[in-house]
Amino acid sequence: MDERILLETVDFSKGLVPAIIIDVENKDVLMLAYMNNEALKRTIDTKTTWFWSRSRNEYWNKGATSGHFQYVKAISLDCDNDTLLVEVKQLGAACHTGNRSCFFKKVNF
């Protein structure tokens, strides 16, 4: 699927869609954030991740402040067209806490 078709296919009817960010090399889940159509357009145009911040009500480019950019290598769309899986080359930590992944609080069963 090319980038134009991706933009036309994603179901933004409820506003934001979840974007699951994974490491392209080892497939580790790094974070979950939200995109709207404009954030996805910016991501495609710059090849770095852009999200809509629900808490700040503004767009944010991951890494613009920290230098921990996420360089997009591939984007997949789920079967319902309402969730994105974004494979990235992560520079530094993905989490604002300094952890590589936002999913560092583990409970073993």
N, C-alpha and C. Protein backbone atom coordinates (compact mmCIF):
# COMPACT_ATOMS: atom_id res chain seq x y z
N MET A 1 0.84 -1.17 0.00
CA MET A 1 0.00 0.00 0.00
C MET A 1 0.90 1.24 0.00
N ASP A 2 0.61 2.19 -0.85
CA ASP A 2 1.43 3.40 -0.84
C ASP A 2 0.90 4.39 0.19
N GLU A 3 1.67 5.45 0.42
CA GLU A 3 1.37 6.41 1.49
C GLU A 3 0.03 7.11 1.28
N ARG A 4 -0.30 7.46 0.06
CA ARG A 4 -1.56 8.14 -0.25
C ARG A 4 -2.75 7.25 0.08
N ILE A 5 -2.64 5.99 -0.29
CA ILE A 5 -3.73 5.04 -0.02
C ILE A 5 -3.85 4.81 1.49
N LEU A 6 -2.72 4.76 2.19
CA LEU A 6 -2.76 4.61 3.64
C LEU A 6 -3.57 5.75 4.25
N LEU A 7 -3.28 6.99 3.87
CA LEU A 7 -4.00 8.15 4.40
C LEU A 7 -5.50 8.07 4.11
N GLU A 8 -5.85 7.55 2.94
CA GLU A 8 -7.26 7.44 2.56
C GLU A 8 -7.96 6.28 3.25
N THR A 9 -7.20 5.29 3.70
CA THR A 9 -7.78 4.06 4.23
C THR A 9 -7.99 4.10 5.75
N VAL A 10 -7.14 4.80 6.46
CA VAL A 10 -7.25 4.84 7.93
C VAL A 10 -8.60 5.44 8.31
N ASP A 11 -9.28 4.79 9.25
CA ASP A 11 -10.58 5.24 9.73
C ASP A 11 -10.40 6.21 10.89
N PHE A 12 -10.46 7.49 10.57
CA PHE A 12 -10.36 8.54 11.58
C PHE A 12 -11.74 9.04 12.02
N SER A 13 -12.78 8.25 11.78
CA SER A 13 -14.15 8.71 12.07
C SER A 13 -14.38 9.02 13.54
N LYS A 14 -13.58 8.42 14.43
CA LYS A 14 -13.72 8.70 15.86
C LYS A 14 -12.63 9.67 16.32
N GLY A 15 -11.93 10.28 15.38
CA GLY A 15 -10.90 11.26 15.72
C GLY A 15 -9.51 10.66 15.72
N LEU A 16 -9.05 10.24 16.88
CA LEU A 16 -7.70 9.71 17.04
C LEU A 16 -7.66 8.20 16.86
N VAL A 17 -6.54 7.71 16.34
CA VAL A 17 -6.32 6.26 16.27
C VAL A 17 -5.06 5.93 17.06
N PRO A 18 -5.04 4.77 17.71
CA PRO A 18 -3.84 4.35 18.42
C PRO A 18 -2.72 4.04 17.43
N ALA A 19 -1.51 4.42 17.82
CA ALA A 19 -0.32 4.10 17.03
C ALA A 19 0.64 3.36 17.96
N ILE A 20 0.82 2.08 17.68
CA ILE A 20 1.73 1.24 18.46
C ILE A 20 3.10 1.36 17.81
N ILE A 21 4.08 1.76 18.59
CA ILE A 21 5.42 1.99 18.05
C ILE A 21 6.33 0.84 18.48
N ILE A 22 6.95 0.18 17.49
CA ILE A 22 7.85 -0.94 17.80
C ILE A 22 9.22 -0.70 17.16
N ASP A 23 10.22 -1.33 17.75
CA ASP A 23 11.58 -1.27 17.24
C ASP A 23 11.67 -2.15 15.99
N VAL A 24 12.13 -1.59 14.89
CA VAL A 24 12.19 -2.32 13.63
C VAL A 24 13.13 -3.51 13.70
N GLU A 25 14.16 -3.43 14.53
CA GLU A 25 15.16 -4.50 14.58
C GLU A 25 14.74 -5.68 15.45
N ASN A 26 14.25 -5.43 16.66
CA ASN A 26 13.95 -6.55 17.56
C ASN A 26 12.46 -6.70 17.87
N LYS A 27 11.63 -5.82 17.30
CA LYS A 27 10.17 -5.85 17.44
C LYS A 27 9.68 -5.57 18.86
N ASP A 28 10.54 -5.03 19.72
CA ASP A 28 10.10 -4.62 21.06
C ASP A 28 9.07 -3.51 20.94
N VAL A 29 8.03 -3.57 21.77
CA VAL A 29 7.05 -2.50 21.81
C VAL A 29 7.67 -1.35 22.60
N LEU A 30 7.73 -0.19 21.98
CA LEU A 30 8.36 0.97 22.61
C LEU A 30 7.35 1.89 23.28
N MET A 31 6.22 2.12 22.63
CA MET A 31 5.24 3.04 23.20
C MET A 31 3.92 2.95 22.44
N LEU A 32 2.93 3.59 23.00
CA LEU A 32 1.63 3.75 22.36
C LEU A 32 1.30 5.23 22.42
N ALA A 33 0.90 5.79 21.30
CA ALA A 33 0.48 7.19 21.25
C ALA A 33 -0.70 7.27 20.28
N TYR A 34 -1.15 8.48 20.01
CA TYR A 34 -2.33 8.66 19.16
C TYR A 34 -2.04 9.59 18.00
N MET A 35 -2.62 9.25 16.86
CA MET A 35 -2.48 10.06 15.66
C MET A 35 -3.86 10.44 15.14
N ASN A 36 -3.93 11.62 14.55
CA ASN A 36 -5.07 11.97 13.72
C ASN A 36 -4.54 12.06 12.29
N ASN A 37 -5.37 12.48 11.37
CA ASN A 37 -4.95 12.51 9.97
C ASN A 37 -3.74 13.41 9.76
N GLU A 38 -3.72 14.56 10.40
CA GLU A 38 -2.60 15.49 10.24
C GLU A 38 -1.30 14.92 10.81
N ALA A 39 -1.38 14.27 11.97
CA ALA A 39 -0.18 13.66 12.56
C ALA A 39 0.37 12.57 11.64
N LEU A 40 -0.52 11.79 11.04
CA LEU A 40 -0.06 10.75 10.11
C LEU A 40 0.57 11.39 8.87
N LYS A 41 -0.04 12.45 8.36
CA LYS A 41 0.55 13.16 7.21
C LYS A 41 1.95 13.66 7.54
N ARG A 42 2.10 14.28 8.71
CA ARG A 42 3.41 14.80 9.12
C ARG A 42 4.42 13.66 9.26
N THR A 43 3.97 12.53 9.80
CA THR A 43 4.84 11.36 9.95
C THR A 43 5.32 10.88 8.59
N ILE A 44 4.41 10.78 7.65
CA ILE A 44 4.77 10.33 6.30
C ILE A 44 5.70 11.33 5.63
N ASP A 45 5.42 12.61 5.78
CA ASP A 45 6.23 13.65 5.12
C ASP A 45 7.65 13.73 5.67
N THR A 46 7.79 13.59 7.00
CA THR A 46 9.11 13.77 7.62
C THR A 46 9.85 12.47 7.89
N LYS A 47 9.13 11.35 7.82
CA LYS A 47 9.69 10.02 8.14
C LYS A 47 10.14 9.93 9.59
N THR A 48 9.60 10.81 10.44
CA THR A 48 9.76 10.73 11.90
C THR A 48 8.36 10.76 12.48
N THR A 49 8.20 10.20 13.69
CA THR A 49 6.85 10.10 14.24
C THR A 49 6.33 11.43 14.76
N TRP A 50 5.06 11.68 14.47
CA TRP A 50 4.29 12.81 14.97
C TRP A 50 3.02 12.27 15.60
N PHE A 51 2.64 12.86 16.70
CA PHE A 51 1.45 12.42 17.42
C PHE A 51 0.61 13.61 17.83
N TRP A 52 -0.62 13.31 18.25
CA TRP A 52 -1.47 14.32 18.87
C TRP A 52 -1.41 14.08 20.37
N SER A 53 -0.97 15.09 21.11
CA SER A 53 -0.92 15.00 22.57
C SER A 53 -2.29 15.30 23.14
N ARG A 54 -2.91 14.32 23.75
CA ARG A 54 -4.23 14.52 24.36
C ARG A 54 -4.14 15.41 25.58
N SER A 55 -3.02 15.39 26.29
CA SER A 55 -2.88 16.20 27.51
C SER A 55 -2.55 17.66 27.19
N ARG A 56 -1.76 17.87 26.14
CA ARG A 56 -1.34 19.25 25.80
C ARG A 56 -2.17 19.85 24.67
N ASN A 57 -3.00 19.02 24.04
CA ASN A 57 -3.81 19.48 22.90
C ASN A 57 -2.96 20.12 21.80
N GLU A 58 -1.90 19.41 21.43
CA GLU A 58 -1.03 19.91 20.35
C GLU A 58 -0.28 18.75 19.72
N TYR A 59 0.25 19.02 18.53
CA TYR A 59 1.08 18.02 17.85
C TYR A 59 2.45 17.99 18.50
N TRP A 60 3.04 16.79 18.51
CA TRP A 60 4.43 16.69 18.98
C TRP A 60 5.20 15.70 18.12
N ASN A 61 6.38 16.11 17.82
CA ASN A 61 7.31 15.30 17.03
C ASN A 61 8.23 14.61 18.02
N LYS A 62 8.11 13.29 18.12
CA LYS A 62 8.92 12.53 19.08
C LYS A 62 10.40 12.77 18.82
N GLY A 63 11.08 13.29 19.82
CA GLY A 63 12.51 13.54 19.71
C GLY A 63 12.86 15.01 19.50
N ALA A 64 11.88 15.85 19.19
CA ALA A 64 12.17 17.27 18.92
C ALA A 64 12.81 17.95 20.13
N THR A 65 12.41 17.54 21.32
CA THR A 65 12.98 18.13 22.54
C THR A 65 14.15 17.31 23.06
N SER A 66 13.98 15.99 23.09
CA SER A 66 14.97 15.10 23.71
C SER A 66 16.10 14.68 22.78
N GLY A 67 15.86 14.76 21.47
CA GLY A 67 16.82 14.23 20.51
C GLY A 67 16.64 12.74 20.26
N HIS A 68 15.67 12.13 20.92
CA HIS A 68 15.40 10.70 20.79
C HIS A 68 14.37 10.45 19.69
N PHE A 69 14.76 10.77 18.48
CA PHE A 69 13.86 10.65 17.34
C PHE A 69 13.53 9.20 17.02
N GLN A 70 12.39 9.04 16.38
CA GLN A 70 11.97 7.74 15.86
C GLN A 70 11.89 7.87 14.35
N TYR A 71 12.79 7.16 13.64
CA TYR A 71 12.81 7.20 12.19
C TYR A 71 11.95 6.07 11.64
N VAL A 72 10.91 6.43 10.93
CA VAL A 72 9.91 5.47 10.47
C VAL A 72 10.46 4.62 9.34
N LYS A 73 10.31 3.30 9.50
CA LYS A 73 10.75 2.34 8.49
C LYS A 73 9.57 1.67 7.79
N ALA A 74 8.44 1.52 8.51
CA ALA A 74 7.25 0.90 7.92
C ALA A 74 6.04 1.24 8.79
N ILE A 75 4.88 1.29 8.15
CA ILE A 75 3.62 1.47 8.86
C ILE A 75 2.65 0.41 8.36
N SER A 76 2.04 -0.31 9.30
CA SER A 76 1.01 -1.30 8.97
C SER A 76 -0.31 -0.85 9.56
N LEU A 77 -1.38 -1.23 8.89
CA LEU A 77 -2.73 -0.88 9.31
C LEU A 77 -3.44 -2.16 9.72
N ASP A 78 -4.17 -2.12 10.83
CA ASP A 78 -4.87 -3.33 11.28
C ASP A 78 -6.09 -3.64 10.41
N CYS A 79 -6.71 -4.78 10.68
CA CYS A 79 -7.81 -5.28 9.86
C CYS A 79 -9.04 -4.38 9.89
N ASP A 80 -9.22 -3.58 10.94
CA ASP A 80 -10.37 -2.68 11.03
C ASP A 80 -10.04 -1.27 10.55
N ASN A 81 -8.81 -1.07 10.11
CA ASN A 81 -8.36 0.23 9.61
C ASN A 81 -8.37 1.34 10.66
N ASP A 82 -8.26 0.95 11.95
CA ASP A 82 -8.33 1.99 12.99
C ASP A 82 -7.20 1.91 14.02
N THR A 83 -6.14 1.18 13.71
CA THR A 83 -4.95 1.13 14.56
C THR A 83 -3.72 1.00 13.66
N LEU A 84 -2.69 1.76 14.01
CA LEU A 84 -1.45 1.73 13.24
C LEU A 84 -0.34 1.03 14.02
N LEU A 85 0.47 0.28 13.31
CA LEU A 85 1.68 -0.32 13.86
C LEU A 85 2.84 0.34 13.12
N VAL A 86 3.64 1.09 13.87
CA VAL A 86 4.71 1.88 13.25
C VAL A 86 6.05 1.29 13.67
N GLU A 87 6.82 0.82 12.69
CA GLU A 87 8.15 0.27 12.94
C GLU A 87 9.17 1.39 12.77
N VAL A 88 10.00 1.57 13.81
CA VAL A 88 10.93 2.70 13.81
C VAL A 88 12.34 2.26 14.18
N LYS A 89 13.28 3.07 13.76
CA LYS A 89 14.65 3.03 14.27
C LYS A 89 14.67 4.07 15.38
N GLN A 90 14.77 3.60 16.61
CA GLN A 90 14.70 4.47 17.79
C GLN A 90 16.08 4.97 18.17
N LEU A 91 16.22 6.27 18.32
CA LEU A 91 17.44 6.85 18.86
C LEU A 91 17.21 7.11 20.33
N GLY A 92 18.02 6.54 21.19
CA GLY A 92 17.87 6.76 22.62
C GLY A 92 16.61 6.12 23.17
N ALA A 93 16.11 6.72 24.24
CA ALA A 93 14.95 6.19 24.95
C ALA A 93 13.66 6.60 24.25
N ALA A 94 12.68 5.71 24.25
CA ALA A 94 11.36 6.05 23.72
C ALA A 94 10.50 6.70 24.80
N CYS A 95 10.74 6.34 26.05
CA CYS A 95 9.91 6.80 27.15
C CYS A 95 10.46 8.09 27.76
N HIS A 96 9.56 8.98 28.16
CA HIS A 96 9.98 10.23 28.79
C HIS A 96 10.68 10.02 30.13
N THR A 97 10.58 8.80 30.69
CA THR A 97 11.25 8.49 31.96
C THR A 97 12.73 8.16 31.75
N GLY A 98 13.12 8.00 30.49
CA GLY A 98 14.49 7.62 30.18
C GLY A 98 14.64 6.14 29.89
N ASN A 99 13.56 5.37 30.04
CA ASN A 99 13.59 3.95 29.72
C ASN A 99 13.49 3.75 28.20
N ARG A 100 14.07 2.69 27.72
CA ARG A 100 14.03 2.38 26.29
C ARG A 100 12.59 2.25 25.81
N SER A 101 11.74 1.58 26.60
CA SER A 101 10.34 1.38 26.28
C SER A 101 9.47 1.96 27.39
N CYS A 102 8.28 2.39 27.03
CA CYS A 102 7.32 2.85 28.04
C CYS A 102 6.76 1.67 28.84
N PHE A 103 6.96 0.46 28.34
CA PHE A 103 6.42 -0.74 28.97
C PHE A 103 7.49 -1.45 29.79
N PHE A 104 7.93 -0.79 30.85
CA PHE A 104 9.00 -1.35 31.69
C PHE A 104 8.47 -1.84 33.04
N LYS A 105 7.21 -1.64 33.32
CA LYS A 105 6.61 -2.09 34.58
C LYS A 105 5.96 -3.46 34.33
N LYS A 106 6.69 -4.50 34.68
CA LYS A 106 6.29 -5.85 34.31
C LYS A 106 5.77 -6.63 35.50
N VAL A 107 4.70 -7.39 35.29
CA VAL A 107 4.17 -8.31 36.27
C VAL A 107 4.26 -9.71 35.66
N ASN A 108 4.99 -10.60 36.30
CA ASN A 108 5.12 -11.97 35.81
C ASN A 108 4.05 -12.85 36.43
N PHE A 109 3.55 -13.79 35.64
CA PHE A 109 2.55 -14.76 36.11
C PHE A 109 3.08 -16.17 35.96
